[in-house]
PDB file of N, CA and C in Angstrom:
ATOM      1  N   MET A   1     -37.446  85.035  58.444  1.00  0.00           N
ATOM      2  CA  MET A   1     -36.971  85.249  57.089  1.00  0.00           C
ATOM      3  C   MET A   1     -35.748  86.173  57.073  1.00  0.00           C
ATOM      4  N   GLY A   2     -35.799  87.274  57.829  1.00  0.00           N
ATOM      5  CA  GLY A   2     -34.641  88.141  57.950  1.00  0.00           C
ATOM      6  C   GLY A   2     -34.362  88.981  56.718  1.00  0.00           C
ATOM      7  N   VAL A   3     -33.099  89.360  56.549  1.00  0.00           N
ATOM      8  CA  VAL A   3     -32.675  90.209  55.440  1.00  0.00           C
ATOM      9  C   VAL A   3     -32.240  89.333  54.278  1.00  0.00           C
ATOM     10  N   THR A   4     -32.774  89.629  53.103  1.00  0.00           N
ATOM     11  CA  THR A   4     -32.380  88.931  51.880  1.00  0.00           C
ATOM     12  C   THR A   4     -31.859  89.943  50.877  1.00  0.00           C
ATOM     13  N   PHE A   5     -31.040  89.467  49.941  1.00  0.00           N
ATOM     14  CA  PHE A   5     -30.462  90.339  48.913  1.00  0.00           C
ATOM     15  C   PHE A   5     -29.805  89.457  47.854  1.00  0.00           C
ATOM     16  N   LYS A   6     -29.452  90.074  46.748  1.00  0.00           N
ATOM     17  CA  LYS A   6     -28.680  89.418  45.696  1.00  0.00           C
ATOM     18  C   LYS A   6     -27.373  90.169  45.576  1.00  0.00           C
ATOM     19  N   ALA A   7     -26.268  89.440  45.592  1.00  0.00           N
ATOM     20  CA  ALA A   7     -24.955  90.071  45.485  1.00  0.00           C
ATOM     21  C   ALA A   7     -24.164  89.402  44.375  1.00  0.00           C
ATOM     22  N   GLU A   8     -23.400  90.210  43.669  1.00  0.00           N
ATOM     23  CA  GLU A   8     -22.503  89.672  42.637  1.00  0.00           C
ATOM     24  C   GLU A   8     -21.236  90.513  42.589  1.00  0.00           C
ATOM     25  N   VAL A   9     -20.216  89.914  42.036  1.00  0.00           N
ATOM     26  CA  VAL A   9     -18.930  90.576  41.901  1.00  0.00           C
ATOM     27  C   VAL A   9     -18.695  90.888  40.432  1.00  0.00           C
ATOM     28  N   ARG A  10     -18.250  92.116  40.187  1.00  0.00           N
ATOM     29  CA  ARG A  10     -17.785  92.489  38.847  1.00  0.00           C
ATOM     30  C   ARG A  10     -16.277  92.685  38.958  1.00  0.00           C
ATOM     31  N   ALA A  11     -15.524  91.715  38.470  1.00  0.00           N
ATOM     32  CA  ALA A  11     -14.064  91.780  38.549  1.00  0.00           C
ATOM     33  C   ALA A  11     -13.537  92.367  37.247  1.00  0.00           C
ATOM     34  N   GLU A  12     -13.154  93.634  37.290  1.00  0.00           N
ATOM     35  CA  GLU A  12     -12.628  94.303  36.104  1.00  0.00           C
ATOM     36  C   GLU A  12     -11.224  93.793  35.769  1.00  0.00           C
ATOM     37  N   SER A  13     -10.441  93.528  36.790  1.00  0.00           N
ATOM     38  CA  SER A  13      -9.083  93.007  36.638  1.00  0.00           C
ATOM     39  C   SER A  13      -8.660  92.500  38.013  1.00  0.00           C
ATOM     40  N   GLN A  14      -7.415  92.022  38.131  1.00  0.00           N
ATOM     41  CA  GLN A  14      -6.936  91.582  39.436  1.00  0.00           C
ATOM     42  C   GLN A  14      -6.643  92.763  40.358  1.00  0.00           C
ATOM     43  N   TYR A  15      -6.744  93.970  39.831  1.00  0.00           N
ATOM     44  CA  TYR A  15      -6.436  95.161  40.625  1.00  0.00           C
ATOM     45  C   TYR A  15      -7.673  95.948  41.044  1.00  0.00           C
ATOM     46  N   TYR A  16      -8.810  95.703  40.371  1.00  0.00           N
ATOM     47  CA  TYR A  16     -10.010  96.459  40.683  1.00  0.00           C
ATOM     48  C   TYR A  16     -11.262  95.661  40.339  1.00  0.00           C
ATOM     49  N   GLY A  17     -12.245  95.796  41.193  1.00  0.00           N
ATOM     50  CA  GLY A  17     -13.545  95.181  40.942  1.00  0.00           C
ATOM     51  C   GLY A  17     -14.595  95.882  41.773  1.00  0.00           C
ATOM     52  N   ALA A  18     -15.779  95.329  41.785  1.00  0.00           N
ATOM     53  CA  ALA A  18     -16.857  95.918  42.562  1.00  0.00           C
ATOM     54  C   ALA A  18     -17.780  94.809  43.048  1.00  0.00           C
ATOM     55  N   VAL A  19     -18.387  95.059  44.189  1.00  0.00           N
ATOM     56  CA  VAL A  19     -19.425  94.194  44.738  1.00  0.00           C
ATOM     57  C   VAL A  19     -20.724  94.972  44.551  1.00  0.00           C
ATOM     58  N   GLU A  20     -21.708  94.333  43.933  1.00  0.00           N
ATOM     59  CA  GLU A  20     -22.993  94.975  43.715  1.00  0.00           C
ATOM     60  C   GLU A  20     -24.075  94.210  44.467  1.00  0.00           C
ATOM     61  N   ILE A  21     -24.823  94.935  45.292  1.00  0.00           N
ATOM     62  CA  ILE A  21     -25.883  94.324  46.100  1.00  0.00           C
ATOM     63  C   ILE A  21     -27.204  94.959  45.688  1.00  0.00           C
ATOM     64  N   LYS A  22     -28.173  94.111  45.339  1.00  0.00           N
ATOM     65  CA  LYS A  22     -29.492  94.582  44.894  1.00  0.00           C
ATOM     66  C   LYS A  22     -30.576  93.796  45.624  1.00  0.00           C
ATOM     67  N   GLY A  23     -31.802  94.282  45.490  1.00  0.00           N
ATOM     68  CA  GLY A  23     -32.951  93.540  46.003  1.00  0.00           C
ATOM     69  C   GLY A  23     -32.951  93.342  47.502  1.00  0.00           C
ATOM     70  N   ILE A  24     -32.446  94.307  48.234  1.00  0.00           N
ATOM     71  CA  ILE A  24     -32.405  94.187  49.692  1.00  0.00           C
ATOM     72  C   ILE A  24     -33.845  94.227  50.232  1.00  0.00           C
ATOM     73  N   ALA A  25     -34.173  93.240  51.036  1.00  0.00           N
ATOM     74  CA  ALA A  25     -35.505  93.176  51.643  1.00  0.00           C
ATOM     75  C   ALA A  25     -35.391  92.644  53.061  1.00  0.00           C
ATOM     76  N   GLN A  26     -36.328  93.026  53.887  1.00  0.00           N
ATOM     77  CA  GLN A  26     -36.382  92.508  55.254  1.00  0.00           C
ATOM     78  C   GLN A  26     -37.760  91.889  55.462  1.00  0.00           C
ATOM     79  N   ASP A  27     -37.747  90.595  55.743  1.00  0.00           N
ATOM     80  CA  ASP A  27     -38.991  89.840  55.909  1.00  0.00           C
ATOM     81  C   ASP A  27     -39.912  90.018  54.699  1.00  0.00           C
ATOM     82  N   GLY A  28     -39.324  90.049  53.489  1.00  0.00           N
ATOM     83  CA  GLY A  28     -40.078  90.122  52.257  1.00  0.00           C
ATOM     84  C   GLY A  28     -40.538  91.504  51.847  1.00  0.00           C
ATOM     85  N   ASP A  29     -40.208  92.533  52.603  1.00  0.00           N
ATOM     86  CA  ASP A  29     -40.631  93.897  52.306  1.00  0.00           C
ATOM     87  C   ASP A  29     -39.388  94.787  52.252  1.00  0.00           C
ATOM     88  N   GLU A  30     -39.566  96.037  51.788  1.00  0.00           N
ATOM     89  CA  GLU A  30     -38.418  96.948  51.785  1.00  0.00           C
ATOM     90  C   GLU A  30     -37.900  97.135  53.199  1.00  0.00           C
ATOM     91  N   MET A  31     -36.607  97.393  53.306  1.00  0.00           N
ATOM     92  CA  MET A  31     -35.973  97.567  54.610  1.00  0.00           C
ATOM     93  C   MET A  31     -36.105  99.035  55.019  1.00  0.00           C
ATOM     94  N   LYS A  32     -36.726  99.265  56.138  1.00  0.00           N
ATOM     95  CA  LYS A  32     -36.897 100.625  56.652  1.00  0.00           C
ATOM     96  C   LYS A  32     -35.721 100.970  57.563  1.00  0.00           C
ATOM     97  N   VAL A  33     -35.117 102.128  57.311  1.00  0.00           N
ATOM     98  CA  VAL A  33     -33.933 102.551  58.040  1.00  0.00           C
ATOM     99  C   VAL A  33     -34.235 103.867  58.737  1.00  0.00           C
ATOM    100  N   GLN A  34     -34.165 103.870  60.052  1.00  0.00           N
ATOM    101  CA  GLN A  34     -34.402 105.095  60.828  1.00  0.00           C
ATOM    102  C   GLN A  34     -33.128 105.915  60.989  1.00  0.00           C
ATOM    103  N   LYS A  35     -32.011 105.231  61.238  1.00  0.00           N
ATOM    104  CA  LYS A  35     -30.749 105.930  61.513  1.00  0.00           C
ATOM    105  C   LYS A  35     -29.648 105.563  60.518  1.00  0.00           C
ATOM    106  N   HIS A  36     -29.374 104.235  60.380  1.00  0.00           N
ATOM    107  CA  HIS A  36     -28.283 103.845  59.501  1.00  0.00           C
ATOM    108  C   HIS A  36     -28.470 102.426  58.957  1.00  0.00           C
ATOM    109  N   LEU A  37     -27.897 102.225  57.803  1.00  0.00           N
ATOM    110  CA  LEU A  37     -27.811 100.906  57.163  1.00  0.00           C
ATOM    111  C   LEU A  37     -26.377 100.453  57.313  1.00  0.00           C
ATOM    112  N   LYS A  38     -26.192  99.223  57.760  1.00  0.00           N
ATOM    113  CA  LYS A  38     -24.840  98.724  57.992  1.00  0.00           C
ATOM    114  C   LYS A  38     -24.598  97.471  57.134  1.00  0.00           C
ATOM    115  N   VAL A  39     -23.438  97.433  56.479  1.00  0.00           N
ATOM    116  CA  VAL A  39     -23.044  96.266  55.689  1.00  0.00           C
ATOM    117  C   VAL A  39     -21.671  95.821  56.172  1.00  0.00           C
ATOM    118  N   ASN A  40     -21.570  94.562  56.563  1.00  0.00           N
ATOM    119  CA  ASN A  40     -20.304  93.954  56.959  1.00  0.00           C
ATOM    120  C   ASN A  40     -19.918  92.941  55.889  1.00  0.00           C
ATOM    121  N   LEU A  41     -18.632  92.941  55.514  1.00  0.00           N
ATOM    122  CA  LEU A  41     -18.152  91.972  54.540  1.00  0.00           C
ATOM    123  C   LEU A  41     -16.642  91.877  54.609  1.00  0.00           C
ATOM    124  N   ILE A  42     -16.107  90.850  53.978  1.00  0.00           N
ATOM    125  CA  ILE A  42     -14.662  90.654  53.893  1.00  0.00           C
ATOM    126  C   ILE A  42     -14.221  91.019  52.483  1.00  0.00           C
ATOM    127  N   LEU A  43     -13.210  91.885  52.403  1.00  0.00           N
ATOM    128  CA  LEU A  43     -12.678  92.334  51.118  1.00  0.00           C
ATOM    129  C   LEU A  43     -11.180  92.065  51.046  1.00  0.00           C
ATOM    130  N   PRO A  44     -10.634  91.988  49.826  1.00  0.00           N
ATOM    131  CA  PRO A  44      -9.189  91.773  49.672  1.00  0.00           C
ATOM    132  C   PRO A  44      -8.369  93.047  49.843  1.00  0.00           C
ATOM    133  N   ALA A  45      -9.028  94.171  50.099  1.00  0.00           N
ATOM    134  CA  ALA A  45      -8.342  95.452  50.315  1.00  0.00           C
ATOM    135  C   ALA A  45      -9.202  96.291  51.239  1.00  0.00           C
ATOM    136  N   ALA A  46      -8.600  97.271  51.886  1.00  0.00           N
ATOM    137  CA  ALA A  46      -9.347  98.159  52.773  1.00  0.00           C
ATOM    138  C   ALA A  46     -10.410  98.915  51.983  1.00  0.00           C
ATOM    139  N   GLY A  47     -11.545  99.144  52.626  1.00  0.00           N
ATOM    140  CA  GLY A  47     -12.615  99.898  51.994  1.00  0.00           C
ATOM    141  C   GLY A  47     -12.449 101.385  52.216  1.00  0.00           C
ATOM    142  N   SER A  48     -13.116 102.169  51.368  1.00  0.00           N
ATOM    143  CA  SER A  48     -13.085 103.622  51.486  1.00  0.00           C
ATOM    144  C   SER A  48     -14.477 104.156  51.204  1.00  0.00           C
ATOM    145  N   GLY A  49     -14.882 105.190  51.935  1.00  0.00           N
ATOM    146  CA  GLY A  49     -16.201 105.769  51.742  1.00  0.00           C
ATOM    147  C   GLY A  49     -16.430 106.297  50.342  1.00  0.00           C
ATOM    148  N   THR A  50     -15.362 106.745  49.677  1.00  0.00           N
ATOM    149  CA  THR A  50     -15.511 107.268  48.317  1.00  0.00           C
ATOM    150  C   THR A  50     -15.772 106.155  47.300  1.00  0.00           C
ATOM    151  N   ASP A  51     -15.591 104.906  47.707  1.00  0.00           N
ATOM    152  CA  ASP A  51     -15.828 103.763  46.810  1.00  0.00           C
ATOM    153  C   ASP A  51     -17.219 103.171  46.976  1.00  0.00           C
ATOM    154  N   VAL A  52     -18.064 103.808  47.806  1.00  0.00           N
ATOM    155  CA  VAL A  52     -19.393 103.274  48.104  1.00  0.00           C
ATOM    156  C   VAL A  52     -20.451 104.170  47.480  1.00  0.00           C
ATOM    157  N   ASN A  53     -21.382 103.552  46.738  1.00  0.00           N
ATOM    158  CA  ASN A  53     -22.473 104.288  46.122  1.00  0.00           C
ATOM    159  C   ASN A  53     -23.784 103.560  46.425  1.00  0.00           C
ATOM    160  N   LEU A  54     -24.656 104.202  47.179  1.00  0.00           N
ATOM    161  CA  LEU A  54     -25.979 103.666  47.471  1.00  0.00           C
ATOM    162  C   LEU A  54     -26.973 104.462  46.649  1.00  0.00           C
ATOM    163  N   LEU A  55     -27.575 103.806  45.652  1.00  0.00           N
ATOM    164  CA  LEU A  55     -28.514 104.457  44.750  1.00  0.00           C
ATOM    165  C   LEU A  55     -29.933 104.135  45.210  1.00  0.00           C
ATOM    166  N   LEU A  56     -30.637 105.158  45.700  1.00  0.00           N
ATOM    167  CA  LEU A  56     -31.991 105.007  46.213  1.00  0.00           C
ATOM    168  C   LEU A  56     -32.980 105.770  45.333  1.00  0.00           C
ATOM    169  N   THR A  57     -34.230 105.311  45.322  1.00  0.00           N
ATOM    170  CA  THR A  57     -35.308 106.022  44.653  1.00  0.00           C
ATOM    171  C   THR A  57     -36.379 106.273  45.704  1.00  0.00           C
ATOM    172  N   PRO A  58     -36.705 107.498  46.057  1.00  0.00           N
ATOM    173  CA  PRO A  58     -36.070 108.726  45.563  1.00  0.00           C
ATOM    174  C   PRO A  58     -34.681 108.903  46.171  1.00  0.00           C
ATOM    175  N   TRP A  59     -33.854 109.659  45.469  1.00  0.00           N
ATOM    176  CA  TRP A  59     -32.488 109.907  45.917  1.00  0.00           C
ATOM    177  C   TRP A  59     -32.514 110.766  47.175  1.00  0.00           C
ATOM    178  N   ILE A  60     -31.660 110.435  48.119  1.00  0.00           N
ATOM    179  CA  ILE A  60     -31.422 111.283  49.292  1.00  0.00           C
ATOM    180  C   ILE A  60     -29.930 111.273  49.578  1.00  0.00           C
ATOM    181  N   PRO A  61     -29.406 112.318  50.189  1.00  0.00           N
ATOM    182  CA  PRO A  61     -27.977 112.326  50.517  1.00  0.00           C
ATOM    183  C   PRO A  61     -27.671 111.305  51.617  1.00  0.00           C
ATOM    184  N   ILE A  62     -26.608 110.584  51.432  1.00  0.00           N
ATOM    185  CA  ILE A  62     -26.180 109.541  52.375  1.00  0.00           C
ATOM    186  C   ILE A  62     -24.737 109.818  52.782  1.00  0.00           C
ATOM    187  N   ASP A  63     -24.472 109.778  54.079  1.00  0.00           N
ATOM    188  CA  ASP A  63     -23.111 109.871  54.595  1.00  0.00           C
ATOM    189  C   ASP A  63     -22.597 108.454  54.827  1.00  0.00           C
ATOM    190  N   VAL A  64     -21.384 108.183  54.379  1.00  0.00           N
ATOM    191  CA  VAL A  64     -20.803 106.853  54.504  1.00  0.00           C
ATOM    192  C   VAL A  64     -19.578 106.905  55.403  1.00  0.00           C
ATOM    193  N   SER A  65     -19.536 106.007  56.377  1.00  0.00           N
ATOM    194  CA  SER A  65     -18.316 105.833  57.175  1.00  0.00           C
ATOM    195  C   SER A  65     -17.865 104.383  57.021  1.00  0.00           C
ATOM    196  N   VAL A  66     -16.573 104.175  57.119  1.00  0.00           N
ATOM    197  CA  VAL A  66     -15.989 102.857  56.890  1.00  0.00           C
ATOM    198  C   VAL A  66     -15.024 102.513  58.006  1.00  0.00           C
ATOM    199  N   GLU A  67     -15.144 101.290  58.519  1.00  0.00           N
ATOM    200  CA  GLU A  67     -14.176 100.749  59.474  1.00  0.00           C
ATOM    201  C   GLU A  67     -13.500  99.558  58.816  1.00  0.00           C
ATOM    202  N   ASN A  68     -12.177  99.508  58.874  1.00  0.00           N
ATOM    203  CA  ASN A  68     -11.401  98.406  58.316  1.00  0.00           C
ATOM    204  C   ASN A  68     -10.617  97.719  59.417  1.00  0.00           C
ATOM    205  N   ASN A  69     -10.636  96.391  59.398  1.00  0.00           N
ATOM    206  CA  ASN A  69      -9.866  95.606  60.336  1.00  0.00           C
ATOM    207  C   ASN A  69      -9.101  94.556  59.535  1.00  0.00           C
ATOM    208  N   GLN A  70      -7.787  94.701  59.432  1.00  0.00           N
ATOM    209  CA  GLN A  70      -6.994  93.752  58.647  1.00  0.00           C
ATOM    210  C   GLN A  70      -6.892  92.430  59.406  1.00  0.00           C
ATOM    211  N   ILE A  71      -7.297  91.337  58.720  1.00  0.00           N
ATOM    212  CA  ILE A  71      -7.288  90.006  59.346  1.00  0.00           C
ATOM    213  C   ILE A  71      -6.374  89.028  58.615  1.00  0.00           C
ATOM    214  N   GLY A  72      -5.640  89.499  57.626  1.00  0.00           N
ATOM    215  CA  GLY A  72      -4.711  88.684  56.861  1.00  0.00           C
ATOM    216  C   GLY A  72      -3.989  89.572  55.874  1.00  0.00           C
ATOM    217  N   SER A  73      -3.036  89.013  55.136  1.00  0.00           N
ATOM    218  CA  SER A  73      -2.256  89.843  54.219  1.00  0.00           C
ATOM    219  C   SER A  73      -3.123  90.477  53.134  1.00  0.00           C
ATOM    220  N   ASP A  74      -4.121  89.766  52.644  1.00  0.00           N
ATOM    221  CA  ASP A  74      -5.023  90.291  51.610  1.00  0.00           C
ATOM    222  C   ASP A  74      -6.471  90.163  52.062  1.00  0.00           C
ATOM    223  N   LYS A  75      -6.742  90.410  53.332  1.00  0.00           N
ATOM    224  CA  LYS A  75      -8.087  90.191  53.849  1.00  0.00           C
ATOM    225  C   LYS A  75      -8.422  91.240  54.902  1.00  0.00           C
ATOM    226  N   PHE A  76      -9.553  91.929  54.684  1.00  0.00           N
ATOM    227  CA  PHE A  76     -10.014  92.968  55.603  1.00  0.00           C
ATOM    228  C   PHE A  76     -11.474  92.732  55.955  1.00  0.00           C
ATOM    229  N   GLU A  77     -11.789  92.818  57.246  1.00  0.00           N
ATOM    230  CA  GLU A  77     -13.189  92.888  57.672  1.00  0.00           C
ATOM    231  C   GLU A  77     -13.580  94.350  57.537  1.00  0.00           C
ATOM    232  N   VAL A  78     -14.600  94.619  56.740  1.00  0.00           N
ATOM    233  CA  VAL A  78     -15.004  95.990  56.460  1.00  0.00           C
ATOM    234  C   VAL A  78     -16.439  96.191  56.930  1.00  0.00           C
ATOM    235  N   THR A  79     -16.664  97.285  57.637  1.00  0.00           N
ATOM    236  CA  THR A  79     -18.005  97.672  58.057  1.00  0.00           C
ATOM    237  C   THR A  79     -18.319  99.012  57.422  1.00  0.00           C
ATOM    238  N   LEU A  80     -19.366  99.032  56.595  1.00  0.00           N
ATOM    239  CA  LEU A  80     -19.844 100.251  55.956  1.00  0.00           C
ATOM    240  C   LEU A  80     -21.089 100.703  56.701  1.00  0.00           C
ATOM    241  N   THR A  81     -21.121 101.950  57.098  1.00  0.00           N
ATOM    242  CA  THR A  81     -22.293 102.498  57.761  1.00  0.00           C
ATOM    243  C   THR A  81     -22.791 103.673  56.925  1.00  0.00           C
ATOM    244  N   MET A  82     -24.029 103.565  56.449  1.00  0.00           N
ATOM    245  CA  MET A  82     -24.634 104.589  55.607  1.00  0.00           C
ATOM    246  C   MET A  82     -25.782 105.234  56.379  1.00  0.00           C
ATOM    247  N   ALA A  83     -25.688 106.549  56.558  1.00  0.00           N
ATOM    248  CA  ALA A  83     -26.670 107.256  57.377  1.00  0.00           C
ATOM    249  C   ALA A  83     -27.209 108.468  56.636  1.00  0.00           C
ATOM    250  N   SER A  84     -28.415 108.860  57.027  1.00  0.00           N
ATOM    251  CA  SER A  84     -29.040 110.061  56.477  1.00  0.00           C
ATOM    252  C   SER A  84     -29.705 110.820  57.623  1.00  0.00           C
ATOM    253  N   GLU A  85     -29.932 112.100  57.406  1.00  0.00           N
ATOM    254  CA  GLU A  85     -30.613 112.898  58.419  1.00  0.00           C
ATOM    255  C   GLU A  85     -32.089 112.535  58.528  1.00  0.00           C
ATOM    256  N   THR A  86     -32.630 111.915  57.490  1.00  0.00           N
ATOM    257  CA  THR A  86     -34.038 111.520  57.490  1.00  0.00           C
ATOM    258  C   THR A  86     -34.139 110.000  57.317  1.00  0.00           C
ATOM    259  N   PRO A  87     -35.161 109.388  57.869  1.00  0.00           N
ATOM    260  CA  PRO A  87     -35.350 107.947  57.658  1.00  0.00           C
ATOM    261  C   PRO A  87     -35.507 107.653  56.166  1.00  0.00           C
ATOM    262  N   PHE A  88     -35.110 106.448  55.766  1.00  0.00           N
ATOM    263  CA  PHE A  88     -35.229 106.060  54.360  1.00  0.00           C
ATOM    264  C   PHE A  88     -35.538 104.580  54.265  1.00  0.00           C
ATOM    265  N   ALA A  89     -35.895 104.154  53.073  1.00  0.00           N
ATOM    266  CA  ALA A  89     -36.193 102.750  52.826  1.00  0.00           C
ATOM    267  C   ALA A  89     -35.290 102.244  51.718  1.00  0.00           C
ATOM    268  N   VAL A  90     -34.862 101.015  51.864  1.00  0.00           N
ATOM    269  CA  VAL A  90     -34.047 100.347  50.840  1.00  0.00           C
ATOM    270  C   VAL A  90     -34.939  99.265  50.256  1.00  0.00           C
ATOM    271  N   GLY A  91     -35.355  99.470  49.023  1.00  0.00           N
ATOM    272  CA  GLY A  91     -36.284  98.537  48.388  1.00  0.00           C
ATOM    273  C   GLY A  91     -35.666  97.832  47.213  1.00  0.00           C
ATOM    274  N   PRO A  92     -36.501  97.160  46.421  1.00  0.00           N
ATOM    275  CA  PRO A  92     -36.021  96.352  45.309  1.00  0.00           C
ATOM    276  C   PRO A  92     -35.255  97.150  44.255  1.00  0.00           C
ATOM    277  N   SER A  93     -35.542  98.438  44.114  1.00  0.00           N
ATOM    278  CA  SER A  93     -34.854  99.231  43.088  1.00  0.00           C
ATOM    279  C   SER A  93     -33.518  99.792  43.578  1.00  0.00           C
ATOM    280  N   ALA A  94     -33.232  99.682  44.851  1.00  0.00           N
ATOM    281  CA  ALA A  94     -31.970 100.206  45.404  1.00  0.00           C
ATOM    282  C   ALA A  94     -30.788  99.342  44.962  1.00  0.00           C
ATOM    283  N   THR A  95     -29.681  99.995  44.702  1.00  0.00           N
ATOM    284  CA  THR A  95     -28.447  99.289  44.351  1.00  0.00           C
ATOM    285  C   THR A  95     -27.303  99.863  45.186  1.00  0.00           C
ATOM    286  N   LEU A  96     -26.565  98.979  45.829  1.00  0.00           N
ATOM    287  CA  LEU A  96     -25.379  99.354  46.585  1.00  0.00           C
ATOM    288  C   LEU A  96     -24.170  98.807  45.838  1.00  0.00           C
ATOM    289  N   THR A  97     -23.286  99.710  45.417  1.00  0.00           N
ATOM    290  CA  THR A  97     -22.068  99.320  44.713  1.00  0.00           C
ATOM    291  C   THR A  97     -20.867  99.690  45.570  1.00  0.00           C
ATOM    292  N   ILE A  98     -19.986  98.722  45.781  1.00  0.00           N
ATOM    293  CA  ILE A  98     -18.792  98.922  46.592  1.00  0.00           C
ATOM    294  C   ILE A  98     -17.580  98.656  45.701  1.00  0.00           C
ATOM    295  N   GLY A  99     -16.840  99.700  45.375  1.00  0.00           N
ATOM    296  CA  GLY A  99     -15.613  99.550  44.590  1.00  0.00           C
ATOM    297  C   GLY A  99     -14.526  98.948  45.458  1.00  0.00           C
ATOM    298  N   VAL A 100     -13.740  98.054  44.869  1.00  0.00           N
ATOM    299  CA  VAL A 100     -12.697  97.350  45.617  1.00  0.00           C
ATOM    300  C   VAL A 100     -11.378  97.475  44.864  1.00  0.00           C
ATOM    301  N   ASN A 101     -10.385  98.063  45.503  1.00  0.00           N
ATOM    302  CA  ASN A 101      -9.054  98.189  44.910  1.00  0.00           C
ATOM    303  C   ASN A 101      -8.234  96.950  45.244  1.00  0.00           C
ATOM    304  N   GLY A 102      -8.736  95.799  44.805  1.00  0.00           N
ATOM    305  CA  GLY A 102      -8.077  94.536  45.077  1.00  0.00           C
ATOM    306  C   GLY A 102      -8.608  93.461  44.147  1.00  0.00           C
ATOM    307  N   ASP A 103      -8.118  92.271  44.297  1.00  0.00           N
ATOM    308  CA  ASP A 103      -8.417  91.156  43.404  1.00  0.00           C
ATOM    309  C   ASP A 103      -9.700  90.443  43.811  1.00  0.00           C
ATOM    310  N   LEU A 104     -10.715  90.520  42.947  1.00  0.00           N
ATOM    311  CA  LEU A 104     -11.963  89.792  43.142  1.00  0.00           C
ATOM    312  C   LEU A 104     -12.171  88.753  42.042  1.00  0.00           C
ATOM    313  N   THR A 105     -11.104  88.431  41.317  1.00  0.00           N
ATOM    314  CA  THR A 105     -11.219  87.459  40.227  1.00  0.00           C
ATOM    315  C   THR A 105     -11.214  86.037  40.790  1.00  0.00           C
ATOM    316  N   GLY A 106     -11.788  85.123  40.040  1.00  0.00           N
ATOM    317  CA  GLY A 106     -11.752  83.698  40.395  1.00  0.00           C
ATOM    318  C   GLY A 106     -12.268  83.403  41.781  1.00  0.00           C
ATOM    319  N   ASP A 107     -11.512  82.583  42.513  1.00  0.00           N
ATOM    320  CA  ASP A 107     -11.918  82.153  43.855  1.00  0.00           C
ATOM    321  C   ASP A 107     -11.894  83.283  44.890  1.00  0.00           C
ATOM    322  N   ALA A 108     -11.274  84.400  44.575  1.00  0.00           N
ATOM    323  CA  ALA A 108     -11.185  85.520  45.518  1.00  0.00           C
ATOM    324  C   ALA A 108     -12.550  86.132  45.817  1.00  0.00           C
ATOM    325  N   ALA A 109     -13.534  85.937  44.950  1.00  0.00           N
ATOM    326  CA  ALA A 109     -14.864  86.523  45.151  1.00  0.00           C
ATOM    327  C   ALA A 109     -15.669  85.782  46.213  1.00  0.00           C
ATOM    328  N   LYS A 110     -15.458  84.478  46.355  1.00  0.00           N
ATOM    329  CA  LYS A 110     -16.297  83.667  47.236  1.00  0.00           C
ATOM    330  C   LYS A 110     -16.301  84.136  48.693  1.00  0.00           C
ATOM    331  N   PRO A 111     -15.139  84.365  49.336  1.00  0.00           N
ATOM    332  CA  PRO A 111     -15.173  84.822  50.729  1.00  0.00           C
ATOM    333  C   PRO A 111     -15.921  86.146  50.889  1.00  0.00           C
ATOM    334  N   CYS A 112     -15.801  87.001  49.901  1.00  0.00           N
ATOM    335  CA  CYS A 112     -16.491  88.281  49.939  1.00  0.00           C
ATOM    336  C   CYS A 112     -17.992  88.069  49.901  1.00  0.00           C
ATOM    337  N   LEU A 113     -18.476  87.347  48.917  1.00  0.00           N
ATOM    338  CA  LEU A 113     -19.918  87.127  48.767  1.00  0.00           C
ATOM    339  C   LEU A 113     -20.512  86.354  49.940  1.00  0.00           C
ATOM    340  N   ASP A 114     -19.780  85.375  50.442  1.00  0.00           N
ATOM    341  CA  ASP A 114     -20.267  84.569  51.561  1.00  0.00           C
ATOM    342  C   ASP A 114     -20.319  85.332  52.890  1.00  0.00           C
ATOM    343  N   SER A 115     -19.565  86.434  52.986  1.00  0.00           N
ATOM    344  CA  SER A 115     -19.453  87.135  54.270  1.00  0.00           C
ATOM    345  C   SER A 115     -20.435  88.305  54.429  1.00  0.00           C
ATOM    346  N   ILE A 116     -21.188  88.650  53.415  1.00  0.00           N
ATOM    347  CA  ILE A 116     -22.036  89.854  53.467  1.00  0.00           C
ATOM    348  C   ILE A 116     -23.151  89.716  54.485  1.00  0.00           C
ATOM    349  N   LYS A 117     -23.232  90.696  55.366  1.00  0.00           N
ATOM    350  CA  LYS A 117     -24.310  90.791  56.349  1.00  0.00           C
ATOM    351  C   LYS A 117     -24.843  92.218  56.313  1.00  0.00           C
ATOM    352  N   ILE A 118     -26.161  92.355  56.290  1.00  0.00           N
ATOM    353  CA  ILE A 118     -26.802  93.666  56.199  1.00  0.00           C
ATOM    354  C   ILE A 118     -27.757  93.845  57.370  1.00  0.00           C
ATOM    355  N   SER A 119     -27.714  95.014  57.990  1.00  0.00           N
ATOM    356  CA  SER A 119     -28.622  95.298  59.102  1.00  0.00           C
ATOM    357  C   SER A 119     -28.989  96.786  59.092  1.00  0.00           C
ATOM    358  N   ALA A 120     -30.029  97.103  59.829  1.00  0.00           N
ATOM    359  CA  ALA A 120     -30.453  98.500  59.960  1.00  0.00           C
ATOM    360  C   ALA A 120     -30.609  98.833  61.432  1.00  0.00           C
ATOM    361  N   ASP A 121     -30.094  99.997  61.810  1.00  0.00           N
ATOM    362  CA  ASP A 121     -30.306 100.572  63.129  1.00  0.00           C
ATOM    363  C   ASP A 121     -29.873  99.693  64.289  1.00  0.00           C
ATOM    364  N   ASP A 122     -28.870  98.843  64.095  1.00  0.00           N
ATOM    365  CA  ASP A 122     -28.426  97.978  65.205  1.00  0.00           C
ATOM    366  C   ASP A 122     -27.434  98.683  66.091  1.00  0.00           C
TER     367      ASP A 122
END
């Protein structure tokens, strides 16, 4: 079964939008994270740690690091790594919001949504 989730794009304009990921589960249960949660996706602009918000219940502090690899004029492979000093779980109530300083309107959203991969402790 693997990792499942629901993702959608909120395109505020051609200059800014957000990717929202909810309902993250692993094999039908909450995803247990010992060290880090990793999200890989393709965005129309480079990602930044300040644009990432992982809302967990209960709340715990999360450190975010971002790797960007430009693969086209408006295309970046982005790896987000979210870590905490203590193990945590990502369950149905968790929401991951990724702000994007680029165009997610129209057809631009599809490559982003189709490319999302989520893993823990790999």
